[in-house]
């Protein structure tokens, strides 16, 4: 597996989603994940998945991922966690040319919301 992510901080107290919502967070965590965007061939059918170990990541949560440094705007990425402590990022290419090869190791912020 690639380089592990690590937890930066967490909120253990319940937080509310707006002034009129009754939905509360049971936990919000922020992680830093090191990654390298994969090489993807052109076309909408092109894709790859990368798996990372992130201690404390849970299934059944909402994940939001954002690279810290810019990557090619034609990459799409979608995080998910189907096994505890394991982050999978599904990568896609929405362009008509091959992506990657020149991408270097980057880092991104991963937010985890538990309800």
PDB file of N, CA and C in Angstrom:
ATOM      1  N   UNK A   1       0.831  -1.177   0.000  1.00  0.00           N
ATOM      2  CA  UNK A   1       0.000   0.000   0.000  1.00  0.00           C
ATOM      3  C   UNK A   1       0.877   1.243   0.000  1.00  0.00           C
ATOM      4  N   UNK A   2       0.408   2.334  -0.593  1.00  0.00           N
ATOM      5  CA  UNK A   2       1.172   3.587  -0.587  1.00  0.00           C
ATOM      6  C   UNK A   2       1.319   4.159   0.820  1.00  0.00           C
ATOM      7  N   UNK A   3       1.979   5.285   0.908  1.00  0.00           N
ATOM      8  CA  UNK A   3       2.260   5.948   2.182  1.00  0.00           C
ATOM      9  C   UNK A   3       0.972   6.165   2.970  1.00  0.00           C
ATOM     10  N   UNK A   4       1.038   5.913   4.269  1.00  0.00           N
ATOM     11  CA  UNK A   4      -0.135   6.026   5.137  1.00  0.00           C
ATOM     12  C   UNK A   4      -0.588   7.457   5.322  1.00  0.00           C
ATOM     13  N   UNK A   5      -1.885   7.623   5.562  1.00  0.00           N
ATOM     14  CA  UNK A   5      -2.417   8.914   5.983  1.00  0.00           C
ATOM     15  C   UNK A   5      -2.328   9.000   7.496  1.00  0.00           C
ATOM     16  N   UNK A   6      -2.449  10.178   8.035  1.00  0.00           N
ATOM     17  CA  UNK A   6      -2.429  10.314   9.480  1.00  0.00           C
ATOM     18  C   UNK A   6      -3.456  11.350   9.924  1.00  0.00           C
ATOM     19  N   UNK A   7      -3.974  11.136  11.119  1.00  0.00           N
ATOM     20  CA  UNK A   7      -5.013  12.000  11.670  1.00  0.00           C
ATOM     21  C   UNK A   7      -4.401  13.292  12.173  1.00  0.00           C
ATOM     22  N   UNK A   8      -5.026  14.411  11.817  1.00  0.00           N
ATOM     23  CA  UNK A   8      -4.553  15.710  12.269  1.00  0.00           C
ATOM     24  C   UNK A   8      -5.293  16.121  13.537  1.00  0.00           C
ATOM     25  N   UNK A   9      -6.605  16.035  13.497  1.00  0.00           N
ATOM     26  CA  UNK A   9      -7.394  16.370  14.683  1.00  0.00           C
ATOM     27  C   UNK A   9      -8.779  15.763  14.549  1.00  0.00           C
ATOM     28  N   UNK A  10      -9.548  15.849  15.598  1.00  0.00           N
ATOM     29  CA  UNK A  10     -10.904  15.312  15.560  1.00  0.00           C
ATOM     30  C   UNK A  10     -11.801  16.051  16.516  1.00  0.00           C
ATOM     31  N   UNK A  11     -13.075  16.031  16.217  1.00  0.00           N
ATOM     32  CA  UNK A  11     -14.076  16.639  17.087  1.00  0.00           C
ATOM     33  C   UNK A  11     -14.942  15.497  17.608  1.00  0.00           C
ATOM     34  N   UNK A  12     -14.918  15.293  18.893  1.00  0.00           N
ATOM     35  CA  UNK A  12     -15.678  14.191  19.464  1.00  0.00           C
ATOM     36  C   UNK A  12     -17.088  14.602  19.874  1.00  0.00           C
ATOM     37  N   UNK A  13     -17.297  15.889  20.140  1.00  0.00           N
ATOM     38  CA  UNK A  13     -18.623  16.353  20.553  1.00  0.00           C
ATOM     39  C   UNK A  13     -19.541  16.462  19.341  1.00  0.00           C
ATOM     40  N   UNK A  14     -20.821  16.299  19.546  1.00  0.00           N
ATOM     41  CA  UNK A  14     -21.785  16.410  18.444  1.00  0.00           C
ATOM     42  C   UNK A  14     -21.862  17.848  17.961  1.00  0.00           C
ATOM     43  N   UNK A  15     -21.891  18.008  16.658  1.00  0.00           N
ATOM     44  CA  UNK A  15     -22.053  19.316  16.045  1.00  0.00           C
ATOM     45  C   UNK A  15     -23.323  19.305  15.223  1.00  0.00           C
ATOM     46  N   UNK A  16     -23.896  20.448  14.951  1.00  0.00           N
ATOM     47  CA  UNK A  16     -25.162  20.519  14.233  1.00  0.00           C
ATOM     48  C   UNK A  16     -24.953  21.001  12.809  1.00  0.00           C
ATOM     49  N   UNK A  17     -25.765  20.486  11.874  1.00  0.00           N
ATOM     50  CA  UNK A  17     -25.693  20.851  10.462  1.00  0.00           C
ATOM     51  C   UNK A  17     -26.596  22.031  10.175  1.00  0.00           C
ATOM     52  N   UNK A  18     -26.230  23.217  10.570  1.00  0.00           N
ATOM     53  CA  UNK A  18     -27.066  24.377  10.298  1.00  0.00           C
ATOM     54  C   UNK A  18     -28.031  24.663  11.433  1.00  0.00           C
ATOM     55  N   UNK A  19     -28.653  25.829  11.355  1.00  0.00           N
ATOM     56  CA  UNK A  19     -29.489  26.319  12.452  1.00  0.00           C
ATOM     57  C   UNK A  19     -30.779  25.528  12.642  1.00  0.00           C
ATOM     58  N   UNK A  20     -31.371  24.992  11.572  1.00  0.00           N
ATOM     59  CA  UNK A  20     -32.675  24.335  11.715  1.00  0.00           C
ATOM     60  C   UNK A  20     -32.600  22.819  11.590  1.00  0.00           C
ATOM     61  N   UNK A  21     -31.419  22.277  11.354  1.00  0.00           N
ATOM     62  CA  UNK A  21     -31.274  20.842  11.183  1.00  0.00           C
ATOM     63  C   UNK A  21     -31.267  20.130  12.531  1.00  0.00           C
ATOM     64  N   UNK A  22     -31.792  18.920  12.558  1.00  0.00           N
ATOM     65  CA  UNK A  22     -31.724  18.101  13.759  1.00  0.00           C
ATOM     66  C   UNK A  22     -30.640  17.030  13.620  1.00  0.00           C
ATOM     67  N   UNK A  23     -29.964  16.983  12.456  1.00  0.00           N
ATOM     68  CA  UNK A  23     -28.887  16.027  12.237  1.00  0.00           C
ATOM     69  C   UNK A  23     -27.626  16.527  12.922  1.00  0.00           C
ATOM     70  N   UNK A  24     -26.986  15.656  13.679  1.00  0.00           N
ATOM     71  CA  UNK A  24     -25.745  16.033  14.354  1.00  0.00           C
ATOM     72  C   UNK A  24     -24.613  15.117  13.923  1.00  0.00           C
ATOM     73  N   UNK A  25     -23.396  15.630  14.008  1.00  0.00           N
ATOM     74  CA  UNK A  25     -22.215  14.811  13.787  1.00  0.00           C
ATOM     75  C   UNK A  25     -21.887  14.097  15.088  1.00  0.00           C
ATOM     76  N   UNK A  26     -21.511  12.853  15.000  1.00  0.00           N
ATOM     77  CA  UNK A  26     -20.978  12.193  16.186  1.00  0.00           C
ATOM     78  C   UNK A  26     -19.465  12.344  16.216  1.00  0.00           C
ATOM     79  N   UNK A  27     -18.872  12.590  15.020  1.00  0.00           N
ATOM     80  CA  UNK A  27     -17.424  12.740  14.947  1.00  0.00           C
ATOM     81  C   UNK A  27     -17.067  13.400  13.618  1.00  0.00           C
ATOM     82  N   UNK A  28     -16.080  14.284  13.651  1.00  0.00           N
ATOM     83  CA  UNK A  28     -15.493  14.859  12.443  1.00  0.00           C
ATOM     84  C   UNK A  28     -13.987  14.713  12.583  1.00  0.00           C
ATOM     85  N   UNK A  29     -13.360  14.078  11.593  1.00  0.00           N
ATOM     86  CA  UNK A  29     -11.913  13.898  11.614  1.00  0.00           C
ATOM     87  C   UNK A  29     -11.304  14.501  10.365  1.00  0.00           C
ATOM     88  N   UNK A  30     -10.095  15.009  10.506  1.00  0.00           N
ATOM     89  CA  UNK A  30      -9.341  15.527   9.361  1.00  0.00           C
ATOM     90  C   UNK A  30      -8.032  14.759   9.288  1.00  0.00           C
ATOM     91  N   UNK A  31      -7.718  14.242   8.106  1.00  0.00           N
ATOM     92  CA  UNK A  31      -6.494  13.481   7.885  1.00  0.00           C
ATOM     93  C   UNK A  31      -5.686  14.117   6.766  1.00  0.00           C
ATOM     94  N   UNK A  32      -4.381  13.874   6.783  1.00  0.00           N
ATOM     95  CA  UNK A  32      -3.511  14.244   5.666  1.00  0.00           C
ATOM     96  C   UNK A  32      -3.104  12.940   4.998  1.00  0.00           C
ATOM     97  N   UNK A  33      -3.281  12.868   3.679  1.00  0.00           N
ATOM     98  CA  UNK A  33      -2.964  11.654   2.929  1.00  0.00           C
ATOM     99  C   UNK A  33      -1.955  11.996   1.842  1.00  0.00           C
ATOM    100  N   UNK A  34      -0.845  11.262   1.794  1.00  0.00           N
ATOM    101  CA  UNK A  34       0.118  11.421   0.708  1.00  0.00           C
ATOM    102  C   UNK A  34      -0.282  10.500  -0.432  1.00  0.00           C
ATOM    103  N   UNK A  35      -0.212  11.014  -1.667  1.00  0.00           N
ATOM    104  CA  UNK A  35      -0.633  10.226  -2.822  1.00  0.00           C
ATOM    105  C   UNK A  35       0.135  10.670  -4.057  1.00  0.00           C
ATOM    106  N   UNK A  36       0.097   9.847  -5.072  1.00  0.00           N
ATOM    107  CA  UNK A  36       0.576  10.209  -6.398  1.00  0.00           C
ATOM    108  C   UNK A  36      -0.551   9.879  -7.363  1.00  0.00           C
ATOM    109  N   UNK A  37      -1.011  10.873  -8.105  1.00  0.00           N
ATOM    110  CA  UNK A  37      -2.083  10.641  -9.076  1.00  0.00           C
ATOM    111  C   UNK A  37      -1.579   9.643 -10.123  1.00  0.00           C
ATOM    112  N   UNK A  38      -2.380   8.635 -10.463  1.00  0.00           N
ATOM    113  CA  UNK A  38      -1.925   7.586 -11.383  1.00  0.00           C
ATOM    114  C   UNK A  38      -1.907   8.051 -12.841  1.00  0.00           C
ATOM    115  N   UNK A  39      -1.193   7.313 -13.662  1.00  0.00           N
ATOM    116  CA  UNK A  39      -1.228   7.528 -15.105  1.00  0.00           C
ATOM    117  C   UNK A  39      -2.511   6.907 -15.635  1.00  0.00           C
ATOM    118  N   UNK A  40      -3.298   7.691 -16.368  1.00  0.00           N
ATOM    119  CA  UNK A  40      -4.563   7.217 -16.913  1.00  0.00           C
ATOM    120  C   UNK A  40      -4.607   7.502 -18.405  1.00  0.00           C
ATOM    121  N   UNK A  41      -5.064   6.514 -19.172  1.00  0.00           N
ATOM    122  CA  UNK A  41      -5.214   6.735 -20.611  1.00  0.00           C
ATOM    123  C   UNK A  41      -6.416   7.636 -20.860  1.00  0.00           C
ATOM    124  N   UNK A  42      -6.530   8.116 -22.085  1.00  0.00           N
ATOM    125  CA  UNK A  42      -7.604   9.053 -22.412  1.00  0.00           C
ATOM    126  C   UNK A  42      -8.947   8.342 -22.478  1.00  0.00           C
ATOM    127  N   UNK A  43      -9.999   9.114 -22.320  1.00  0.00           N
ATOM    128  CA  UNK A  43     -11.356   8.580 -22.449  1.00  0.00           C
ATOM    129  C   UNK A  43     -12.059   8.417 -21.132  1.00  0.00           C
ATOM    130  N   UNK A  44     -13.359   8.452 -21.194  1.00  0.00           N
ATOM    131  CA  UNK A  44     -14.177   8.369 -19.988  1.00  0.00           C
ATOM    132  C   UNK A  44     -14.175   6.993 -19.351  1.00  0.00           C
ATOM    133  N   UNK A  45     -13.747   5.973 -20.076  1.00  0.00           N
ATOM    134  CA  UNK A  45     -13.717   4.635 -19.498  1.00  0.00           C
ATOM    135  C   UNK A  45     -12.416   4.377 -18.745  1.00  0.00           C
ATOM    136  N   UNK A  46     -11.484   5.323 -18.807  1.00  0.00           N
ATOM    137  CA  UNK A  46     -10.216   5.179 -18.117  1.00  0.00           C
ATOM    138  C   UNK A  46     -10.408   5.411 -16.622  1.00  0.00           C
ATOM    139  N   UNK A  47      -9.774   4.593 -15.813  1.00  0.00           N
ATOM    140  CA  UNK A  47      -9.878   4.776 -14.373  1.00  0.00           C
ATOM    141  C   UNK A  47      -8.908   3.878 -13.634  1.00  0.00           C
ATOM    142  N   UNK A  48      -8.690   4.185 -12.384  1.00  0.00           N
ATOM    143  CA  UNK A  48      -7.813   3.396 -11.523  1.00  0.00           C
ATOM    144  C   UNK A  48      -8.233   3.625 -10.087  1.00  0.00           C
ATOM    145  N   UNK A  49      -7.822   2.725  -9.218  1.00  0.00           N
ATOM    146  CA  UNK A  49      -8.072   2.884  -7.785  1.00  0.00           C
ATOM    147  C   UNK A  49      -6.753   2.790  -7.042  1.00  0.00           C
ATOM    148  N   UNK A  50      -6.608   3.648  -6.041  1.00  0.00           N
ATOM    149  CA  UNK A  50      -5.437   3.630  -5.163  1.00  0.00           C
ATOM    150  C   UNK A  50      -5.927   3.367  -3.748  1.00  0.00           C
ATOM    151  N   UNK A  51      -5.190   2.530  -3.019  1.00  0.00           N
ATOM    152  CA  UNK A  51      -5.573   2.171  -1.656  1.00  0.00           C
ATOM    153  C   UNK A  51      -4.515   2.680  -0.684  1.00  0.00           C
ATOM    154  N   UNK A  52      -4.978   3.277   0.423  1.00  0.00           N
ATOM    155  CA  UNK A  52      -4.098   3.866   1.424  1.00  0.00           C
ATOM    156  C   UNK A  52      -4.559   3.405   2.808  1.00  0.00           C
ATOM    157  N   UNK A  53      -3.620   3.180   3.712  1.00  0.00           N
ATOM    158  CA  UNK A  53      -3.946   2.873   5.099  1.00  0.00           C
ATOM    159  C   UNK A  53      -4.076   4.180   5.857  1.00  0.00           C
ATOM    160  N   UNK A  54      -5.237   4.396   6.472  1.00  0.00           N
ATOM    161  CA  UNK A  54      -5.499   5.610   7.252  1.00  0.00           C
ATOM    162  C   UNK A  54      -6.106   5.164   8.580  1.00  0.00           C
ATOM    163  N   UNK A  55      -5.302   5.168   9.631  1.00  0.00           N
ATOM    164  CA  UNK A  55      -5.757   4.712  10.940  1.00  0.00           C
ATOM    165  C   UNK A  55      -6.890   5.588  11.453  1.00  0.00           C
ATOM    166  N   UNK A  56      -7.978   4.948  11.866  1.00  0.00           N
ATOM    167  CA  UNK A  56      -9.130   5.660  12.407  1.00  0.00           C
ATOM    168  C   UNK A  56     -10.247   5.872  11.408  1.00  0.00           C
ATOM    169  N   UNK A  57     -10.018   5.562  10.136  1.00  0.00           N
ATOM    170  CA  UNK A  57     -11.057   5.728   9.120  1.00  0.00           C
ATOM    171  C   UNK A  57     -12.126   4.657   9.316  1.00  0.00           C
ATOM    172  N   UNK A  58     -13.391   5.044   9.181  1.00  0.00           N
ATOM    173  CA  UNK A  58     -14.503   4.135   9.449  1.00  0.00           C
ATOM    174  C   UNK A  58     -15.398   3.975   8.231  1.00  0.00           C
ATOM    175  N   UNK A  59     -16.032   2.821   8.158  1.00  0.00           N
ATOM    176  CA  UNK A  59     -17.034   2.599   7.123  1.00  0.00           C
ATOM    177  C   UNK A  59     -18.319   3.320   7.512  1.00  0.00           C
ATOM    178  N   UNK A  60     -19.187   3.571   6.554  1.00  0.00           N
ATOM    179  CA  UNK A  60     -20.479   4.191   6.834  1.00  0.00           C
ATOM    180  C   UNK A  60     -20.383   5.671   7.160  1.00  0.00           C
ATOM    181  N   UNK A  61     -19.311   6.320   6.742  1.00  0.00           N
ATOM    182  CA  UNK A  61     -19.143   7.749   6.990  1.00  0.00           C
ATOM    183  C   UNK A  61     -19.116   8.490   5.660  1.00  0.00           C
ATOM    184  N   UNK A  62     -19.230   9.805   5.727  1.00  0.00           N
ATOM    185  CA  UNK A  62     -19.131  10.647   4.535  1.00  0.00           C
ATOM    186  C   UNK A  62     -17.690  11.144   4.444  1.00  0.00           C
ATOM    187  N   UNK A  63     -17.073  10.944   3.272  1.00  0.00           N
ATOM    188  CA  UNK A  63     -15.687  11.355   3.073  1.00  0.00           C
ATOM    189  C   UNK A  63     -15.610  12.455   2.023  1.00  0.00           C
ATOM    190  N   UNK A  64     -14.769  13.447   2.281  1.00  0.00           N
ATOM    191  CA  UNK A  64     -14.502  14.530   1.338  1.00  0.00           C
ATOM    192  C   UNK A  64     -12.988  14.632   1.202  1.00  0.00           C
ATOM    193  N   UNK A  65     -12.488  14.563  -0.037  1.00  0.00           N
ATOM    194  CA  UNK A  65     -11.045  14.604  -0.286  1.00  0.00           C
ATOM    195  C   UNK A  65     -10.712  15.774  -1.191  1.00  0.00           C
ATOM    196  N   UNK A  66      -9.612  16.467  -0.885  1.00  0.00           N
ATOM    197  CA  UNK A  66      -9.162  17.575  -1.718  1.00  0.00           C
ATOM    198  C   UNK A  66      -7.637  17.621  -1.715  1.00  0.00           C
ATOM    199  N   UNK A  67      -7.007  17.555  -2.895  1.00  0.00           N
ATOM    200  CA  UNK A  67      -5.552  17.688  -2.942  1.00  0.00           C
ATOM    201  C   UNK A  67      -5.115  19.051  -2.408  1.00  0.00           C
ATOM    202  N   UNK A  68      -4.010  19.071  -1.673  1.00  0.00           N
ATOM    203  CA  UNK A  68      -3.482  20.319  -1.135  1.00  0.00           C
ATOM    204  C   UNK A  68      -2.829  21.147  -2.226  1.00  0.00           C
ATOM    205  N   UNK A  69      -2.040  20.495  -3.075  1.00  0.00           N
ATOM    206  CA  UNK A  69      -1.396  21.154  -4.202  1.00  0.00           C
ATOM    207  C   UNK A  69      -2.168  20.812  -5.476  1.00  0.00           C
ATOM    208  N   UNK A  70      -2.157  21.683  -6.455  1.00  0.00           N
ATOM    209  CA  UNK A  70      -2.934  21.435  -7.673  1.00  0.00           C
ATOM    210  C   UNK A  70      -2.482  20.178  -8.416  1.00  0.00           C
ATOM    211  N   UNK A  71      -3.462  19.460  -8.957  1.00  0.00           N
ATOM    212  CA  UNK A  71      -3.195  18.371  -9.887  1.00  0.00           C
ATOM    213  C   UNK A  71      -3.920  18.723 -11.175  1.00  0.00           C
ATOM    214  N   UNK A  72      -3.651  18.002 -12.228  1.00  0.00           N
ATOM    215  CA  UNK A  72      -4.294  18.277 -13.510  1.00  0.00           C
ATOM    216  C   UNK A  72      -5.808  18.311 -13.325  1.00  0.00           C
ATOM    217  N   UNK A  73      -6.452  19.340 -13.869  1.00  0.00           N
ATOM    218  CA  UNK A  73      -7.900  19.535 -13.687  1.00  0.00           C
ATOM    219  C   UNK A  73      -8.734  18.461 -14.370  1.00  0.00           C
ATOM    220  N   UNK A  74      -8.131  17.642 -15.218  1.00  0.00           N
ATOM    221  CA  UNK A  74      -8.876  16.593 -15.911  1.00  0.00           C
ATOM    222  C   UNK A  74      -9.009  15.319 -15.079  1.00  0.00           C
ATOM    223  N   UNK A  75      -8.322  15.250 -13.937  1.00  0.00           N
ATOM    224  CA  UNK A  75      -8.497  14.128 -13.014  1.00  0.00           C
ATOM    225  C   UNK A  75      -9.820  14.294 -12.262  1.00  0.00           C
ATOM    226  N   UNK A  76     -10.515  13.195 -12.067  1.00  0.00           N
ATOM    227  CA  UNK A  76     -11.616  13.159 -11.104  1.00  0.00           C
ATOM    228  C   UNK A  76     -11.188  12.203  -9.995  1.00  0.00           C
ATOM    229  N   UNK A  77     -11.687  12.402  -8.801  1.00  0.00           N
ATOM    230  CA  UNK A  77     -11.337  11.526  -7.690  1.00  0.00           C
ATOM    231  C   UNK A  77     -12.518  11.424  -6.750  1.00  0.00           C
ATOM    232  N   UNK A  78     -12.701  10.210  -6.228  1.00  0.00           N
ATOM    233  CA  UNK A  78     -13.821   9.941  -5.326  1.00  0.00           C
ATOM    234  C   UNK A  78     -13.338   9.014  -4.220  1.00  0.00           C
ATOM    235  N   UNK A  79     -13.365   9.483  -2.968  1.00  0.00           N
ATOM    236  CA  UNK A  79     -12.904   8.648  -1.865  1.00  0.00           C
ATOM    237  C   UNK A  79     -14.016   7.734  -1.337  1.00  0.00           C
ATOM    238  N   UNK A  80     -13.605   6.594  -0.808  1.00  0.00           N
ATOM    239  CA  UNK A  80     -14.559   5.711  -0.128  1.00  0.00           C
ATOM    240  C   UNK A  80     -13.812   4.850   0.888  1.00  0.00           C
ATOM    241  N   UNK A  81     -14.559   4.327   1.825  1.00  0.00           N
ATOM    242  CA  UNK A  81     -13.996   3.432   2.836  1.00  0.00           C
ATOM    243  C   UNK A  81     -14.951   2.262   3.000  1.00  0.00           C
ATOM    244  N   UNK A  82     -14.569   1.092   2.488  1.00  0.00           N
ATOM    245  CA  UNK A  82     -15.420  -0.085   2.646  1.00  0.00           C
ATOM    246  C   UNK A  82     -14.830  -1.082   3.637  1.00  0.00           C
ATOM    247  N   UNK A  83     -13.598  -0.814   4.095  1.00  0.00           N
ATOM    248  CA  UNK A  83     -12.938  -1.602   5.124  1.00  0.00           C
ATOM    249  C   UNK A  83     -12.319  -0.623   6.112  1.00  0.00           C
ATOM    250  N   UNK A  84     -12.505  -0.861   7.402  1.00  0.00           N
ATOM    251  CA  UNK A  84     -11.975   0.054   8.410  1.00  0.00           C
ATOM    252  C   UNK A  84     -10.484   0.301   8.194  1.00  0.00           C
ATOM    253  N   UNK A  85     -10.066   1.536   8.382  1.00  0.00           N
ATOM    254  CA  UNK A  85      -8.668   1.973   8.264  1.00  0.00           C
ATOM    255  C   UNK A  85      -8.118   1.921   6.840  1.00  0.00           C
ATOM    256  N   UNK A  86      -8.998   1.799   5.845  1.00  0.00           N
ATOM    257  CA  UNK A  86      -8.543   1.710   4.463  1.00  0.00           C
ATOM    258  C   UNK A  86      -9.284   2.713   3.587  1.00  0.00           C
ATOM    259  N   UNK A  87      -8.529   3.627   2.988  1.00  0.00           N
ATOM    260  CA  UNK A  87      -9.073   4.614   2.070  1.00  0.00           C
ATOM    261  C   UNK A  87      -8.827   4.140   0.646  1.00  0.00           C
ATOM    262  N   UNK A  88      -9.866   4.171  -0.180  1.00  0.00           N
ATOM    263  CA  UNK A  88      -9.727   3.888  -1.607  1.00  0.00           C
ATOM    264  C   UNK A  88     -10.121   5.162  -2.349  1.00  0.00           C
ATOM    265  N   UNK A  89      -9.246   5.613  -3.238  1.00  0.00           N
ATOM    266  CA  UNK A  89      -9.572   6.751  -4.099  1.00  0.00           C
ATOM    267  C   UNK A  89      -9.736   6.217  -5.509  1.00  0.00           C
ATOM    268  N   UNK A  90     -10.931   6.409  -6.062  1.00  0.00           N
ATOM    269  CA  UNK A  90     -11.212   6.025  -7.445  1.00  0.00           C
ATOM    270  C   UNK A  90     -10.879   7.227  -8.320  1.00  0.00           C
ATOM    271  N   UNK A  91      -9.964   7.034  -9.267  1.00  0.00           N
ATOM    272  CA  UNK A  91      -9.487   8.095 -10.144  1.00  0.00           C
ATOM    273  C   UNK A  91     -10.105   7.953 -11.518  1.00  0.00           C
ATOM    274  N   UNK A  92     -10.379   9.073 -12.156  1.00  0.00           N
ATOM    275  CA  UNK A  92     -10.887   9.067 -13.521  1.00  0.00           C
ATOM    276  C   UNK A  92     -10.221  10.151 -14.342  1.00  0.00           C
ATOM    277  N   UNK A  93     -10.389  10.055 -15.665  1.00  0.00           N
ATOM    278  CA  UNK A  93      -9.820  11.015 -16.603  1.00  0.00           C
ATOM    279  C   UNK A  93     -10.954  11.504 -17.496  1.00  0.00           C
ATOM    280  N   UNK A  94     -11.275  12.786 -17.418  1.00  0.00           N
ATOM    281  CA  UNK A  94     -12.370  13.322 -18.234  1.00  0.00           C
ATOM    282  C   UNK A  94     -11.856  13.995 -19.503  1.00  0.00           C
ATOM    283  N   UNK A  95     -10.559  13.821 -19.778  1.00  0.00           N
ATOM    284  CA  UNK A  95      -9.965  14.454 -20.953  1.00  0.00           C
ATOM    285  C   UNK A  95      -9.787  13.493 -22.108  1.00  0.00           C
ATOM    286  N   UNK A  96      -9.249  14.015 -23.198  1.00  0.00           N
ATOM    287  CA  UNK A  96      -9.016  13.183 -24.374  1.00  0.00           C
ATOM    288  C   UNK A  96      -7.531  12.931 -24.598  1.00  0.00           C
ATOM    289  N   UNK A  97      -6.730  13.082 -23.531  1.00  0.00           N
ATOM    290  CA  UNK A  97      -5.311  12.746 -23.618  1.00  0.00           C
ATOM    291  C   UNK A  97      -4.905  11.998 -22.352  1.00  0.00           C
ATOM    292  N   UNK A  98      -3.783  11.304 -22.417  1.00  0.00           N
ATOM    293  CA  UNK A  98      -3.284  10.532 -21.279  1.00  0.00           C
ATOM    294  C   UNK A  98      -2.828  11.477 -20.171  1.00  0.00           C
ATOM    295  N   UNK A  99      -3.159  11.126 -18.940  1.00  0.00           N
ATOM    296  CA  UNK A  99      -2.751  11.908 -17.767  1.00  0.00           C
ATOM    297  C   UNK A  99      -1.707  11.141 -16.977  1.00  0.00           C
ATOM    298  N   UNK A 100      -0.853  11.860 -16.284  1.00  0.00           N
ATOM    299  CA  UNK A 100       0.108  11.245 -15.383  1.00  0.00           C
ATOM    300  C   UNK A 100       1.487  11.154 -15.993  1.00  0.00           C
ATOM    301  N   UNK A 101       2.335  10.452 -15.304  1.00  0.00           N
ATOM    302  CA  UNK A 101       3.712  10.325 -15.739  1.00  0.00           C
ATOM    303  C   UNK A 101       4.578  11.434 -15.158  1.00  0.00           C
ATOM    304  N   UNK A 102       4.083  12.650 -15.156  1.00  0.00           N
ATOM    305  CA  UNK A 102       4.827  13.786 -14.613  1.00  0.00           C
ATOM    306  C   UNK A 102       4.333  14.167 -13.225  1.00  0.00           C
ATOM    307  N   UNK A 103       3.307  13.481 -12.730  1.00  0.00           N
ATOM    308  CA  UNK A 103       2.769  13.806 -11.405  1.00  0.00           C
ATOM    309  C   UNK A 103       3.748  13.358 -10.325  1.00  0.00           C
ATOM    310  N   UNK A 104       3.984  14.207  -9.346  1.00  0.00           N
ATOM    311  CA  UNK A 104       4.861  13.861  -8.239  1.00  0.00           C
ATOM    312  C   UNK A 104       4.016  13.562  -7.003  1.00  0.00           C
ATOM    313  N   UNK A 105       4.694  13.085  -5.963  1.00  0.00           N
ATOM    314  CA  UNK A 105       3.994  12.804  -4.713  1.00  0.00           C
ATOM    315  C   UNK A 105       3.360  14.088  -4.206  1.00  0.00           C
ATOM    316  N   UNK A 106       2.130  13.992  -3.806  1.00  0.00           N
ATOM    317  CA  UNK A 106       1.355  15.136  -3.372  1.00  0.00           C
ATOM    318  C   UNK A 106       0.726  14.775  -2.037  1.00  0.00           C
ATOM    319  N   UNK A 107       0.052  15.705  -1.437  1.00  0.00           N
ATOM    320  CA  UNK A 107      -0.733  15.395  -0.232  1.00  0.00           C
ATOM    321  C   UNK A 107      -2.093  16.038  -0.362  1.00  0.00           C
ATOM    322  N   UNK A 108      -3.038  15.465   0.336  1.00  0.00           N
ATOM    323  CA  UNK A 108      -4.389  15.985   0.298  1.00  0.00           C
ATOM    324  C   UNK A 108      -5.019  15.925   1.672  1.00  0.00           C
ATOM    325  N   UNK A 109      -6.099  16.647   1.825  1.00  0.00           N
ATOM    326  CA  UNK A 109      -6.858  16.656   3.084  1.00  0.00           C
ATOM    327  C   UNK A 109      -8.082  15.782   2.902  1.00  0.00           C
ATOM    328  N   UNK A 110      -8.292  14.898   3.851  1.00  0.00           N
ATOM    329  CA  UNK A 110      -9.464  14.021   3.861  1.00  0.00           C
ATOM    330  C   UNK A 110     -10.278  14.347   5.095  1.00  0.00           C
ATOM    331  N   UNK A 111     -11.543  14.686   4.885  1.00  0.00           N
ATOM    332  CA  UNK A 111     -12.453  14.913   6.013  1.00  0.00           C
ATOM    333  C   UNK A 111     -13.397  13.724   6.120  1.00  0.00           C
ATOM    334  N   UNK A 112     -13.635  13.285   7.352  1.00  0.00           N
ATOM    335  CA  UNK A 112     -14.549  12.187   7.635  1.00  0.00           C
ATOM    336  C   UNK A 112     -15.642  12.687   8.570  1.00  0.00           C
ATOM    337  N   UNK A 113     -16.890  12.549   8.135  1.00  0.00           N
ATOM    338  CA  UNK A 113     -18.040  12.958   8.937  1.00  0.00           C
ATOM    339  C   UNK A 113     -18.816  11.710   9.346  1.00  0.00           C
ATOM    340  N   UNK A 114     -18.988  11.510  10.634  1.00  0.00           N
ATOM    341  CA  UNK A 114     -19.791  10.404  11.144  1.00  0.00           C
ATOM    342  C   UNK A 114     -21.053  10.976  11.760  1.00  0.00           C
ATOM    343  N   UNK A 115     -22.173  10.314  11.522  1.00  0.00           N
ATOM    344  CA  UNK A 115     -23.470  10.786  12.018  1.00  0.00           C
ATOM    345  C   UNK A 115     -24.027   9.832  13.037  1.00  0.00           C
TER     346      UNK A 115
END
